[in-house]
Amino acid sequence: MANYDIVAGTTADLQFQLLESGSPINLLNVTVSLLLNDRTGATVTSPGTVAVEDEDEGEVTLTPTDANVFDAAKGPYQARWKLTAASGKISYVPSSNRDVWNIIGT
């Protein structure tokens, strides 16, 4: 589990590195999506587009849908990445407690 601070209203790309036991996850032939919930547990239905930037280093970029995705009144958020391999197998990062995204005011 990791903690991140994100400023409310952010629309710039956010970069993350997906790790397992401290090592980058190989994302070759893997589709990555974001599962995001606000502080009440409600699903953030369209948090943005996820793109794999560096398969070997487990690096992904989230492009938020718009300025309403990150709302300080709805934070902190809980995040988990869903990894779907070309074979159809699904895994999640983190596999234990979700990451915490603190949404801070401007």
PDB file of N, CA and C in Angstrom:
ATOM      1  N   MET A   1       0.838  -1.173   0.000  1.00  0.00           N
ATOM      2  CA  MET A   1       0.000   0.000   0.000  1.00  0.00           C
ATOM      3  C   MET A   1       0.885   1.239   0.000  1.00  0.00           C
ATOM      4  N   ALA A   2       0.504   2.208  -0.814  1.00  0.00           N
ATOM      5  CA  ALA A   2       1.235   3.467  -0.890  1.00  0.00           C
ATOM      6  C   ALA A   2       0.264   4.621  -0.660  1.00  0.00           C
ATOM      7  N   ASN A   3       0.805   5.750  -0.254  1.00  0.00           N
ATOM      8  CA  ASN A   3       0.023   6.969  -0.072  1.00  0.00           C
ATOM      9  C   ASN A   3       0.496   8.012  -1.070  1.00  0.00           C
ATOM     10  N   TYR A   4      -0.449   8.685  -1.702  1.00  0.00           N
ATOM     11  CA  TYR A   4      -0.156   9.736  -2.663  1.00  0.00           C
ATOM     12  C   TYR A   4      -0.973  10.969  -2.310  1.00  0.00           C
ATOM     13  N   ASP A   5      -0.420  12.140  -2.579  1.00  0.00           N
ATOM     14  CA  ASP A   5      -1.152  13.396  -2.457  1.00  0.00           C
ATOM     15  C   ASP A   5      -1.397  13.916  -3.862  1.00  0.00           C
ATOM     16  N   ILE A   6      -2.670  14.199  -4.165  1.00  0.00           N
ATOM     17  CA  ILE A   6      -3.052  14.726  -5.470  1.00  0.00           C
ATOM     18  C   ILE A   6      -3.873  15.989  -5.224  1.00  0.00           C
ATOM     19  N   VAL A   7      -3.532  17.045  -5.912  1.00  0.00           N
ATOM     20  CA  VAL A   7      -4.247  18.303  -5.748  1.00  0.00           C
ATOM     21  C   VAL A   7      -5.607  18.216  -6.441  1.00  0.00           C
ATOM     22  N   ALA A   8      -6.649  18.659  -5.739  1.00  0.00           N
ATOM     23  CA  ALA A   8      -8.003  18.670  -6.293  1.00  0.00           C
ATOM     24  C   ALA A   8      -8.007  19.406  -7.626  1.00  0.00           C
ATOM     25  N   GLY A   9      -8.757  18.872  -8.580  1.00  0.00           N
ATOM     26  CA  GLY A   9      -8.888  19.508  -9.886  1.00  0.00           C
ATOM     27  C   GLY A   9      -7.782  19.176 -10.870  1.00  0.00           C
ATOM     28  N   THR A  10      -6.832  18.338 -10.465  1.00  0.00           N
ATOM     29  CA  THR A  10      -5.729  17.967 -11.364  1.00  0.00           C
ATOM     30  C   THR A  10      -6.263  17.307 -12.629  1.00  0.00           C
ATOM     31  N   THR A  11      -5.773  17.784 -13.771  1.00  0.00           N
ATOM     32  CA  THR A  11      -6.101  17.136 -15.051  1.00  0.00           C
ATOM     33  C   THR A  11      -4.844  16.708 -15.796  1.00  0.00           C
ATOM     34  N   ALA A  12      -3.677  17.074 -15.277  1.00  0.00           N
ATOM     35  CA  ALA A  12      -2.417  16.661 -15.902  1.00  0.00           C
ATOM     36  C   ALA A  12      -2.211  15.161 -15.718  1.00  0.00           C
ATOM     37  N   ASP A  13      -1.423  14.567 -16.610  1.00  0.00           N
ATOM     38  CA  ASP A  13      -1.108  13.144 -16.512  1.00  0.00           C
ATOM     39  C   ASP A  13      -0.417  12.848 -15.178  1.00  0.00           C
ATOM     40  N   LEU A  14      -0.769  11.717 -14.590  1.00  0.00           N
ATOM     41  CA  LEU A  14      -0.152  11.237 -13.352  1.00  0.00           C
ATOM     42  C   LEU A  14       0.563   9.927 -13.667  1.00  0.00           C
ATOM     43  N   GLN A  15       1.808   9.818 -13.244  1.00  0.00           N
ATOM     44  CA  GLN A  15       2.589   8.628 -13.552  1.00  0.00           C
ATOM     45  C   GLN A  15       2.786   7.776 -12.302  1.00  0.00           C
ATOM     46  N   PHE A  16       2.695   6.456 -12.493  1.00  0.00           N
ATOM     47  CA  PHE A  16       2.837   5.502 -11.401  1.00  0.00           C
ATOM     48  C   PHE A  16       3.717   4.354 -11.870  1.00  0.00           C
ATOM     49  N   GLN A  17       4.373   3.720 -10.922  1.00  0.00           N
ATOM     50  CA  GLN A  17       5.125   2.507 -11.220  1.00  0.00           C
ATOM     51  C   GLN A  17       4.495   1.386 -10.404  1.00  0.00           C
ATOM     52  N   LEU A  18       4.081   0.330 -11.086  1.00  0.00           N
ATOM     53  CA  LEU A  18       3.446  -0.803 -10.426  1.00  0.00           C
ATOM     54  C   LEU A  18       4.519  -1.797 -10.008  1.00  0.00           C
ATOM     55  N   LEU A  19       4.518  -2.105  -8.712  1.00  0.00           N
ATOM     56  CA  LEU A  19       5.550  -2.963  -8.132  1.00  0.00           C
ATOM     57  C   LEU A  19       4.944  -4.173  -7.446  1.00  0.00           C
ATOM     58  N   GLU A  20       5.734  -5.244  -7.391  1.00  0.00           N
ATOM     59  CA  GLU A  20       5.390  -6.432  -6.608  1.00  0.00           C
ATOM     60  C   GLU A  20       6.629  -6.805  -5.817  1.00  0.00           C
ATOM     61  N   SER A  21       6.506  -6.777  -4.501  1.00  0.00           N
ATOM     62  CA  SER A  21       7.645  -7.040  -3.612  1.00  0.00           C
ATOM     63  C   SER A  21       8.826  -6.124  -3.931  1.00  0.00           C
ATOM     64  N   GLY A  22       8.522  -4.875  -4.276  1.00  0.00           N
ATOM     65  CA  GLY A  22       9.554  -3.891  -4.535  1.00  0.00           C
ATOM     66  C   GLY A  22      10.151  -3.905  -5.930  1.00  0.00           C
ATOM     67  N   SER A  23       9.732  -4.845  -6.765  1.00  0.00           N
ATOM     68  CA  SER A  23      10.259  -4.933  -8.129  1.00  0.00           C
ATOM     69  C   SER A  23       9.180  -4.552  -9.141  1.00  0.00           C
ATOM     70  N   PRO A  24       9.581  -3.929 -10.264  1.00  0.00           N
ATOM     71  CA  PRO A  24       8.606  -3.548 -11.286  1.00  0.00           C
ATOM     72  C   PRO A  24       7.876  -4.775 -11.851  1.00  0.00           C
ATOM     73  N   ILE A  25       6.601  -4.608 -12.095  1.00  0.00           N
ATOM     74  CA  ILE A  25       5.803  -5.670 -12.714  1.00  0.00           C
ATOM     75  C   ILE A  25       5.940  -5.541 -14.230  1.00  0.00           C
ATOM     76  N   ASN A  26       6.209  -6.649 -14.896  1.00  0.00           N
ATOM     77  CA  ASN A  26       6.303  -6.647 -16.352  1.00  0.00           C
ATOM     78  C   ASN A  26       4.887  -6.560 -16.919  1.00  0.00           C
ATOM     79  N   LEU A  27       4.640  -5.521 -17.701  1.00  0.00           N
ATOM     80  CA  LEU A  27       3.303  -5.274 -18.241  1.00  0.00           C
ATOM     81  C   LEU A  27       3.197  -5.611 -19.727  1.00  0.00           C
ATOM     82  N   LEU A  28       4.106  -6.440 -20.227  1.00  0.00           N
ATOM     83  CA  LEU A  28       4.048  -6.866 -21.617  1.00  0.00           C
ATOM     84  C   LEU A  28       2.755  -7.646 -21.841  1.00  0.00           C
ATOM     85  N   ASN A  29       1.980  -7.248 -22.833  1.00  0.00           N
ATOM     86  CA  ASN A  29       0.704  -7.902 -23.184  1.00  0.00           C
ATOM     87  C   ASN A  29      -0.301  -7.868 -22.034  1.00  0.00           C
ATOM     88  N   VAL A  30      -0.274  -6.786 -21.258  1.00  0.00           N
ATOM     89  CA  VAL A  30      -1.189  -6.614 -20.134  1.00  0.00           C
ATOM     90  C   VAL A  30      -1.978  -5.326 -20.337  1.00  0.00           C
ATOM     91  N   THR A  31      -3.289  -5.394 -20.113  1.00  0.00           N
ATOM     92  CA  THR A  31      -4.134  -4.210 -20.118  1.00  0.00           C
ATOM     93  C   THR A  31      -4.316  -3.781 -18.668  1.00  0.00           C
ATOM     94  N   VAL A  32      -4.088  -2.490 -18.400  1.00  0.00           N
ATOM     95  CA  VAL A  32      -4.172  -1.975 -17.041  1.00  0.00           C
ATOM     96  C   VAL A  32      -5.341  -1.008 -16.947  1.00  0.00           C
ATOM     97  N   SER A  33      -6.149  -1.171 -15.906  1.00  0.00           N
ATOM     98  CA  SER A  33      -7.233  -0.233 -15.635  1.00  0.00           C
ATOM     99  C   SER A  33      -7.187   0.144 -14.164  1.00  0.00           C
ATOM    100  N   LEU A  34      -7.852   1.230 -13.820  1.00  0.00           N
ATOM    101  CA  LEU A  34      -7.842   1.744 -12.455  1.00  0.00           C
ATOM    102  C   LEU A  34      -9.200   1.543 -11.806  1.00  0.00           C
ATOM    103  N   LEU A  35      -9.174   0.979 -10.602  1.00  0.00           N
ATOM    104  CA  LEU A  35     -10.376   0.866  -9.787  1.00  0.00           C
ATOM    105  C   LEU A  35     -10.233   1.901  -8.684  1.00  0.00           C
ATOM    106  N   LEU A  36     -11.116   2.888  -8.667  1.00  0.00           N
ATOM    107  CA  LEU A  36     -10.992   4.017  -7.758  1.00  0.00           C
ATOM    108  C   LEU A  36     -12.297   4.233  -7.021  1.00  0.00           C
ATOM    109  N   ASN A  37     -12.199   4.386  -5.692  1.00  0.00           N
ATOM    110  CA  ASN A  37     -13.369   4.641  -4.854  1.00  0.00           C
ATOM    111  C   ASN A  37     -13.125   5.876  -4.005  1.00  0.00           C
ATOM    112  N   ASP A  38     -14.206   6.634  -3.759  1.00  0.00           N
ATOM    113  CA  ASP A  38     -14.071   7.799  -2.896  1.00  0.00           C
ATOM    114  C   ASP A  38     -14.173   7.369  -1.435  1.00  0.00           C
ATOM    115  N   ARG A  39     -14.148   8.329  -0.512  1.00  0.00           N
ATOM    116  CA  ARG A  39     -14.118   8.005   0.923  1.00  0.00           C
ATOM    117  C   ARG A  39     -15.348   7.252   1.412  1.00  0.00           C
ATOM    118  N   THR A  40     -16.477   7.353   0.680  1.00  0.00           N
ATOM    119  CA  THR A  40     -17.688   6.639   1.067  1.00  0.00           C
ATOM    120  C   THR A  40     -17.718   5.228   0.495  1.00  0.00           C
ATOM    121  N   GLY A  41     -16.756   4.921  -0.368  1.00  0.00           N
ATOM    122  CA  GLY A  41     -16.732   3.621  -1.029  1.00  0.00           C
ATOM    123  C   GLY A  41     -17.386   3.640  -2.398  1.00  0.00           C
ATOM    124  N   ALA A  42     -17.966   4.784  -2.776  1.00  0.00           N
ATOM    125  CA  ALA A  42     -18.595   4.896  -4.095  1.00  0.00           C
ATOM    126  C   ALA A  42     -17.528   4.818  -5.190  1.00  0.00           C
ATOM    127  N   THR A  43     -17.856   4.115  -6.256  1.00  0.00           N
ATOM    128  CA  THR A  43     -16.948   3.968  -7.381  1.00  0.00           C
ATOM    129  C   THR A  43     -16.856   5.270  -8.171  1.00  0.00           C
ATOM    130  N   VAL A  44     -15.636   5.673  -8.482  1.00  0.00           N
ATOM    131  CA  VAL A  44     -15.420   6.787  -9.402  1.00  0.00           C
ATOM    132  C   VAL A  44     -15.512   6.155 -10.788  1.00  0.00           C
ATOM    133  N   THR A  45     -16.620   6.412 -11.469  1.00  0.00           N
ATOM    134  CA  THR A  45     -16.934   5.639 -12.675  1.00  0.00           C
ATOM    135  C   THR A  45     -16.038   5.907 -13.871  1.00  0.00           C
ATOM    136  N   SER A  46     -15.538   7.098 -14.038  1.00  0.00           N
ATOM    137  CA  SER A  46     -14.668   7.406 -15.184  1.00  0.00           C
ATOM    138  C   SER A  46     -13.460   8.201 -14.712  1.00  0.00           C
ATOM    139  N   PRO A  47     -12.521   7.536 -14.010  1.00  0.00           N
ATOM    140  CA  PRO A  47     -11.388   8.299 -13.481  1.00  0.00           C
ATOM    141  C   PRO A  47     -10.416   8.782 -14.554  1.00  0.00           C
ATOM    142  N   GLY A  48     -10.421   8.143 -15.714  1.00  0.00           N
ATOM    143  CA  GLY A  48      -9.524   8.569 -16.774  1.00  0.00           C
ATOM    144  C   GLY A  48      -9.015   7.400 -17.589  1.00  0.00           C
ATOM    145  N   THR A  49      -8.067   7.705 -18.447  1.00  0.00           N
ATOM    146  CA  THR A  49      -7.470   6.715 -19.336  1.00  0.00           C
ATOM    147  C   THR A  49      -6.129   6.275 -18.778  1.00  0.00           C
ATOM    148  N   VAL A  50      -5.896   4.967 -18.789  1.00  0.00           N
ATOM    149  CA  VAL A  50      -4.628   4.419 -18.322  1.00  0.00           C
ATOM    150  C   VAL A  50      -3.853   3.914 -19.533  1.00  0.00           C
ATOM    151  N   ALA A  51      -2.585   4.308 -19.608  1.00  0.00           N
ATOM    152  CA  ALA A  51      -1.714   3.842 -20.690  1.00  0.00           C
ATOM    153  C   ALA A  51      -0.444   3.263 -20.086  1.00  0.00           C
ATOM    154  N   VAL A  52      -0.007   2.141 -20.635  1.00  0.00           N
ATOM    155  CA  VAL A  52       1.264   1.554 -20.224  1.00  0.00           C
ATOM    156  C   VAL A  52       2.364   2.327 -20.951  1.00  0.00           C
ATOM    157  N   GLU A  53       3.282   2.907 -20.188  1.00  0.00           N
ATOM    158  CA  GLU A  53       4.349   3.723 -20.758  1.00  0.00           C
ATOM    159  C   GLU A  53       5.646   2.931 -20.945  1.00  0.00           C
ATOM    160  N   ASP A  54       5.981   2.092 -19.965  1.00  0.00           N
ATOM    161  CA  ASP A  54       7.201   1.285 -20.031  1.00  0.00           C
ATOM    162  C   ASP A  54       6.864  -0.094 -19.479  1.00  0.00           C
ATOM    163  N   GLU A  55       6.709  -1.056 -20.393  1.00  0.00           N
ATOM    164  CA  GLU A  55       6.291  -2.408 -19.996  1.00  0.00           C
ATOM    165  C   GLU A  55       7.254  -3.052 -19.016  1.00  0.00           C
ATOM    166  N   ASP A  56       8.557  -2.931 -19.283  1.00  0.00           N
ATOM    167  CA  ASP A  56       9.563  -3.590 -18.444  1.00  0.00           C
ATOM    168  C   ASP A  56       9.650  -2.987 -17.039  1.00  0.00           C
ATOM    169  N   GLU A  57       9.391  -1.693 -16.942  1.00  0.00           N
ATOM    170  CA  GLU A  57       9.522  -0.996 -15.657  1.00  0.00           C
ATOM    171  C   GLU A  57       8.194  -0.863 -14.917  1.00  0.00           C
ATOM    172  N   GLY A  58       7.109  -1.408 -15.477  1.00  0.00           N
ATOM    173  CA  GLY A  58       5.804  -1.353 -14.818  1.00  0.00           C
ATOM    174  C   GLY A  58       5.242   0.047 -14.699  1.00  0.00           C
ATOM    175  N   GLU A  59       5.603   0.916 -15.645  1.00  0.00           N
ATOM    176  CA  GLU A  59       5.179   2.310 -15.559  1.00  0.00           C
ATOM    177  C   GLU A  59       3.903   2.557 -16.364  1.00  0.00           C
ATOM    178  N   VAL A  60       2.946   3.236 -15.701  1.00  0.00           N
ATOM    179  CA  VAL A  60       1.680   3.582 -16.331  1.00  0.00           C
ATOM    180  C   VAL A  60       1.400   5.071 -16.121  1.00  0.00           C
ATOM    181  N   THR A  61       0.575   5.613 -17.003  1.00  0.00           N
ATOM    182  CA  THR A  61       0.140   6.997 -16.896  1.00  0.00           C
ATOM    183  C   THR A  61      -1.380   7.024 -16.830  1.00  0.00           C
ATOM    184  N   LEU A  62      -1.901   7.803 -15.872  1.00  0.00           N
ATOM    185  CA  LEU A  62      -3.330   8.050 -15.781  1.00  0.00           C
ATOM    186  C   LEU A  62      -3.590   9.458 -16.282  1.00  0.00           C
ATOM    187  N   THR A  63      -4.454   9.578 -17.278  1.00  0.00           N
ATOM    188  CA  THR A  63      -4.904  10.881 -17.755  1.00  0.00           C
ATOM    189  C   THR A  63      -6.316  11.081 -17.218  1.00  0.00           C
ATOM    190  N   PRO A  64      -6.476  11.932 -16.197  1.00  0.00           N
ATOM    191  CA  PRO A  64      -7.806  12.125 -15.602  1.00  0.00           C
ATOM    192  C   PRO A  64      -8.829  12.593 -16.642  1.00  0.00           C
ATOM    193  N   THR A  65     -10.049  12.137 -16.502  1.00  0.00           N
ATOM    194  CA  THR A  65     -11.122  12.482 -17.431  1.00  0.00           C
ATOM    195  C   THR A  65     -11.364  13.987 -17.484  1.00  0.00           C
ATOM    196  N   ASP A  66     -11.429  14.630 -16.308  1.00  0.00           N
ATOM    197  CA  ASP A  66     -11.652  16.075 -16.240  1.00  0.00           C
ATOM    198  C   ASP A  66     -11.313  16.568 -14.834  1.00  0.00           C
ATOM    199  N   ALA A  67     -11.543  17.849 -14.578  1.00  0.00           N
ATOM    200  CA  ALA A  67     -11.192  18.466 -13.298  1.00  0.00           C
ATOM    201  C   ALA A  67     -12.059  17.972 -12.142  1.00  0.00           C
ATOM    202  N   ASN A  68     -13.134  17.264 -12.420  1.00  0.00           N
ATOM    203  CA  ASN A  68     -14.030  16.784 -11.362  1.00  0.00           C
ATOM    204  C   ASN A  68     -13.627  15.439 -10.780  1.00  0.00           C
ATOM    205  N   VAL A  69     -12.654  14.772 -11.374  1.00  0.00           N
ATOM    206  CA  VAL A  69     -12.261  13.441 -10.890  1.00  0.00           C
ATOM    207  C   VAL A  69     -11.731  13.525  -9.467  1.00  0.00           C
ATOM    208  N   PHE A  70     -10.831  14.463  -9.212  1.00  0.00           N
ATOM    209  CA  PHE A  70     -10.212  14.565  -7.890  1.00  0.00           C
ATOM    210  C   PHE A  70     -10.840  15.708  -7.110  1.00  0.00           C
ATOM    211  N   ASP A  71     -11.749  15.359  -6.205  1.00  0.00           N
ATOM    212  CA  ASP A  71     -12.523  16.313  -5.419  1.00  0.00           C
ATOM    213  C   ASP A  71     -12.134  16.150  -3.958  1.00  0.00           C
ATOM    214  N   ALA A  72     -11.592  17.209  -3.347  1.00  0.00           N
ATOM    215  CA  ALA A  72     -11.128  17.129  -1.957  1.00  0.00           C
ATOM    216  C   ALA A  72     -12.244  16.720  -1.002  1.00  0.00           C
ATOM    217  N   ALA A  73     -13.474  17.104  -1.287  1.00  0.00           N
ATOM    218  CA  ALA A  73     -14.600  16.758  -0.422  1.00  0.00           C
ATOM    219  C   ALA A  73     -14.905  15.257  -0.450  1.00  0.00           C
ATOM    220  N   LYS A  74     -14.424  14.567  -1.477  1.00  0.00           N
ATOM    221  CA  LYS A  74     -14.687  13.130  -1.611  1.00  0.00           C
ATOM    222  C   LYS A  74     -13.501  12.268  -1.195  1.00  0.00           C
ATOM    223  N   GLY A  75     -12.396  12.902  -0.843  1.00  0.00           N
ATOM    224  CA  GLY A  75     -11.195  12.161  -0.478  1.00  0.00           C
ATOM    225  C   GLY A  75     -11.168  11.792   0.988  1.00  0.00           C
ATOM    226  N   PRO A  76     -10.259  10.933   1.395  1.00  0.00           N
ATOM    227  CA  PRO A  76      -9.272  10.297   0.521  1.00  0.00           C
ATOM    228  C   PRO A  76      -9.911   9.201  -0.335  1.00  0.00           C
ATOM    229  N   TYR A  77      -9.261   8.929  -1.452  1.00  0.00           N
ATOM    230  CA  TYR A  77      -9.699   7.884  -2.356  1.00  0.00           C
ATOM    231  C   TYR A  77      -8.902   6.616  -2.067  1.00  0.00           C
ATOM    232  N   GLN A  78      -9.457   5.501  -2.501  1.00  0.00           N
ATOM    233  CA  GLN A  78      -8.739   4.229  -2.440  1.00  0.00           C
ATOM    234  C   GLN A  78      -8.588   3.721  -3.865  1.00  0.00           C
ATOM    235  N   ALA A  79      -7.367   3.292  -4.194  1.00  0.00           N
ATOM    236  CA  ALA A  79      -7.062   2.903  -5.570  1.00  0.00           C
ATOM    237  C   ALA A  79      -6.450   1.509  -5.637  1.00  0.00           C
ATOM    238  N   ARG A  80      -6.812   0.816  -6.702  1.00  0.00           N
ATOM    239  CA  ARG A  80      -6.216  -0.492  -7.012  1.00  0.00           C
ATOM    240  C   ARG A  80      -6.171  -0.604  -8.531  1.00  0.00           C
ATOM    241  N   TRP A  81      -5.077  -1.132  -9.040  1.00  0.00           N
ATOM    242  CA  TRP A  81      -4.895  -1.335 -10.471  1.00  0.00           C
ATOM    243  C   TRP A  81      -5.320  -2.753 -10.839  1.00  0.00           C
ATOM    244  N   LYS A  82      -6.079  -2.888 -11.907  1.00  0.00           N
ATOM    245  CA  LYS A  82      -6.506  -4.192 -12.408  1.00  0.00           C
ATOM    246  C   LYS A  82      -5.669  -4.517 -13.631  1.00  0.00           C
ATOM    247  N   LEU A  83      -4.991  -5.670 -13.593  1.00  0.00           N
ATOM    248  CA  LEU A  83      -4.125  -6.101 -14.684  1.00  0.00           C
ATOM    249  C   LEU A  83      -4.768  -7.307 -15.360  1.00  0.00           C
ATOM    250  N   THR A  84      -5.038  -7.169 -16.646  1.00  0.00           N
ATOM    251  CA  THR A  84      -5.634  -8.259 -17.406  1.00  0.00           C
ATOM    252  C   THR A  84      -4.636  -8.702 -18.465  1.00  0.00           C
ATOM    253  N   ALA A  85      -4.133  -9.919 -18.310  1.00  0.00           N
ATOM    254  CA  ALA A  85      -3.151 -10.475 -19.249  1.00  0.00           C
ATOM    255  C   ALA A  85      -3.854 -10.886 -20.539  1.00  0.00           C
ATOM    256  N   ALA A  86      -3.087 -10.999 -21.609  1.00  0.00           N
ATOM    257  CA  ALA A  86      -3.629 -11.422 -22.901  1.00  0.00           C
ATOM    258  C   ALA A  86      -4.331 -12.773 -22.786  1.00  0.00           C
ATOM    259  N   SER A  87      -3.902 -13.602 -21.841  1.00  0.00           N
ATOM    260  CA  SER A  87      -4.509 -14.920 -21.623  1.00  0.00           C
ATOM    261  C   SER A  87      -5.872 -14.819 -20.949  1.00  0.00           C
ATOM    262  N   GLY A  88      -6.220 -13.619 -20.454  1.00  0.00           N
ATOM    263  CA  GLY A  88      -7.491 -13.421 -19.752  1.00  0.00           C
ATOM    264  C   GLY A  88      -7.358 -13.472 -18.245  1.00  0.00           C
ATOM    265  N   LYS A  89      -6.185 -13.851 -17.741  1.00  0.00           N
ATOM    266  CA  LYS A  89      -5.983 -13.906 -16.293  1.00  0.00           C
ATOM    267  C   LYS A  89      -5.929 -12.500 -15.728  1.00  0.00           C
ATOM    268  N   ILE A  90      -6.535 -12.334 -14.553  1.00  0.00           N
ATOM    269  CA  ILE A  90      -6.640 -11.030 -13.909  1.00  0.00           C
ATOM    270  C   ILE A  90      -5.900 -11.047 -12.578  1.00  0.00           C
ATOM    271  N   SER A  91      -5.172  -9.970 -12.321  1.00  0.00           N
ATOM    272  CA  SER A  91      -4.540  -9.770 -11.017  1.00  0.00           C
ATOM    273  C   SER A  91      -4.727  -8.311 -10.624  1.00  0.00           C
ATOM    274  N   TYR A  92      -4.403  -8.010  -9.373  1.00  0.00           N
ATOM    275  CA  TYR A  92      -4.617  -6.673  -8.847  1.00  0.00           C
ATOM    276  C   TYR A  92      -3.369  -6.176  -8.131  1.00  0.00           C
ATOM    277  N   VAL A  93      -3.130  -4.871  -8.246  1.00  0.00           N
ATOM    278  CA  VAL A  93      -2.005  -4.235  -7.574  1.00  0.00           C
ATOM    279  C   VAL A  93      -2.540  -2.994  -6.878  1.00  0.00           C
ATOM    280  N   PRO A  94      -2.370  -2.835  -5.584  1.00  0.00           N
ATOM    281  CA  PRO A  94      -1.775  -3.834  -4.707  1.00  0.00           C
ATOM    282  C   PRO A  94      -2.755  -4.984  -4.460  1.00  0.00           C
ATOM    283  N   SER A  95      -2.212  -6.114  -4.067  1.00  0.00           N
ATOM    284  CA  SER A  95      -3.054  -7.289  -3.808  1.00  0.00           C
ATOM    285  C   SER A  95      -3.536  -7.316  -2.364  1.00  0.00           C
ATOM    286  N   SER A  96      -2.992  -6.442  -1.528  1.00  0.00           N
ATOM    287  CA  SER A  96      -3.467  -6.342  -0.142  1.00  0.00           C
ATOM    288  C   SER A  96      -4.282  -5.055  -0.020  1.00  0.00           C
ATOM    289  N   ASN A  97      -4.000  -4.228   0.966  1.00  0.00           N
ATOM    290  CA  ASN A  97      -4.746  -2.980   1.150  1.00  0.00           C
ATOM    291  C   ASN A  97      -4.545  -2.057  -0.047  1.00  0.00           C
ATOM    292  N   ARG A  98      -5.608  -1.363  -0.402  1.00  0.00           N
ATOM    293  CA  ARG A  98      -5.550  -0.429  -1.533  1.00  0.00           C
ATOM    294  C   ARG A  98      -4.643   0.751  -1.220  1.00  0.00           C
ATOM    295  N   ASP A  99      -4.121   1.375  -2.282  1.00  0.00           N
ATOM    296  CA  ASP A  99      -3.376   2.610  -2.126  1.00  0.00           C
ATOM    297  C   ASP A  99      -4.331   3.711  -1.677  1.00  0.00           C
ATOM    298  N   VAL A 100      -3.809   4.671  -0.929  1.00  0.00           N
ATOM    299  CA  VAL A 100      -4.603   5.808  -0.470  1.00  0.00           C
ATOM    300  C   VAL A 100      -4.159   7.040  -1.238  1.00  0.00           C
ATOM    301  N   TRP A 101      -5.115   7.701  -1.873  1.00  0.00           N
ATOM    302  CA  TRP A 101      -4.859   8.929  -2.595  1.00  0.00           C
ATOM    303  C   TRP A 101      -5.520  10.069  -1.837  1.00  0.00           C
ATOM    304  N   ASN A 102      -4.719  10.867  -1.155  1.00  0.00           N
ATOM    305  CA  ASN A 102      -5.217  12.028  -0.431  1.00  0.00           C
ATOM    306  C   ASN A 102      -5.445  13.152  -1.424  1.00  0.00           C
ATOM    307  N   ILE A 103      -6.640  13.687  -1.448  1.00  0.00           N
ATOM    308  CA  ILE A 103      -6.963  14.781  -2.369  1.00  0.00           C
ATOM    309  C   ILE A 103      -6.907  16.068  -1.555  1.00  0.00           C
ATOM    310  N   ILE A 104      -5.943  16.900  -1.910  1.00  0.00           N
ATOM    311  CA  ILE A 104      -5.713  18.110  -1.125  1.00  0.00           C
ATOM    312  C   ILE A 104      -6.217  19.325  -1.897  1.00  0.00           C
ATOM    313  N   GLY A 105      -6.677  20.315  -1.154  1.00  0.00           N
ATOM    314  CA  GLY A 105      -7.206  21.532  -1.765  1.00  0.00           C
ATOM    315  C   GLY A 105      -6.128  22.333  -2.465  1.00  0.00           C
ATOM    316  N   THR A 106      -6.583  23.213  -3.330  1.00  0.00           N
ATOM    317  CA  THR A 106      -5.645  24.051  -4.083  1.00  0.00           C
ATOM    318  C   THR A 106      -5.167  25.220  -3.241  1.00  0.00           C
TER     319      THR A 106
END
